[in-house]
C-alpha cells in the first residue's frame, strides 16, 4: 500500500520511532527479531532477510483499544519486556536492550494509543510526575512480598569490579518490581520507597556504584535506579570471590562497565549470512560482545577484545569486498589485532557514527 511504501522514509525522518525488537510468536512461542515502525495508530514489524528489510510488513499491531504493561515481569529471564494487549485480547511481548530504551518505546506507544484522547494523555502525564505513596504503607509487607519465591524480586549472581555477589538485584530491577506490584505509580515514587527500605536496613548496597551513592549528601541520590547498581537483602551473606577453578575464562571481560548497547546486524564468519545481534560495549576491560536475542539465556555467542582493533565506516555506494548479500547499507568494519574482520550494519548513518565514536577510544 502507499502507506507502507512511505514507512522507510518515515523511519529515516523519525529514527526514535523505529528499531529492532525481539517479538514472541503467537503459534510457535519462540522469539524472532523484527524491525518495528511506530505509526500514529499501529505498530508495523518487518522481517530481515539477507541483511535487508523486506518491503512489506510481516505483521501489524493495531493500537486502538490496546493496553500496555511496562514494566512487564512475566518472563523471569527477560526483565525488559513491554506487553501489548489488543482489544481482541491478543498479547504481544516486545523486548528492549535497556531500561532506557524500553521506557522510551513505552512512552511513545502510550502516546500513540491515547493520541485521540487528550484527557487521558493529561492524566497519564500527571500520574507519571506525581508523588503520592500509598497510605499506611508497610515496609515489612513489601519485604515479605519481595521474598516470595514465585512473585518476589528475582535474585541473581552479579559481577562488580572482579567480585562475584550472590543473591543480588539491580536498582532498576527493584524499581520495576515495585511498579509492577502496584506499590508505586512512577519511578520517582519507587526510588523513594527503595530508599526507605535501605534507610530501614531491609536492603543494602553492594559493589562500588551503589555503595558510593549511599554516601551522597542528597537523599534523592542515595538509591540508584540503574541496571549496574547492585543491592541485596541486608541479612544475605556478604560477597564471595570465586576460586580460580570456578571462574570461567571470560568472567573478567564481562565485568567491565557497559558503555553502549543495542541491536545491530552482523555478517557471519562461515556462512556469510546476516543475523540481528544484541551488541554490548564494555570498558575496563574493553570488549565488544554480541548476543542472540532469540535465546532465553543471557550468554554471549561471541566477542573480542578491542585493544589494538581498527574500526571504520564503509562506503554505502556498492558492496565492499568481503561483504556478502543484498545489505541495506550503513556498514562499518572492525579488524581485530589478530586480523579477524567483523562486518556490522547499523540501522542509520547516525547510529553507525555513534557506535564508531564509542568504540574508537577503547581501541
Foldseek 3Di string as FASTA:
>chain_A
DVVLQCQLVVCVVCVLQWDWWWKADDPHRFTDIWIWGDDLFKIFTFDAFQAHTDSDTPDMGGLAQKDKDPQDCPDPLQRAWIWIQHPVRDIMIIGFDDNVSSVSNVVVSVCSSCVVPVVVVVVLVCQQPDADFDPPDDLVVLLVQLPDPPLHQDFQWDAAPQFIAGGKAALLSQLRSCCNVPRGPYSQNSLVSVLVCVVVQQKHWDHDPQVVQCPDPDSSRNGDSDRPTMMHGNPDDDIDRDDPVPDDPCPQVVNFDWDDKGWWWWQDDPPRGIDIWIWTFGVPPTKIFTCRVRDSDDDTPDIDGLVPKDKDWDDQPDDDPPHDGDHDGQWMWIAHPVRDIIIIHDPDVVVSVVVCVSSVVND
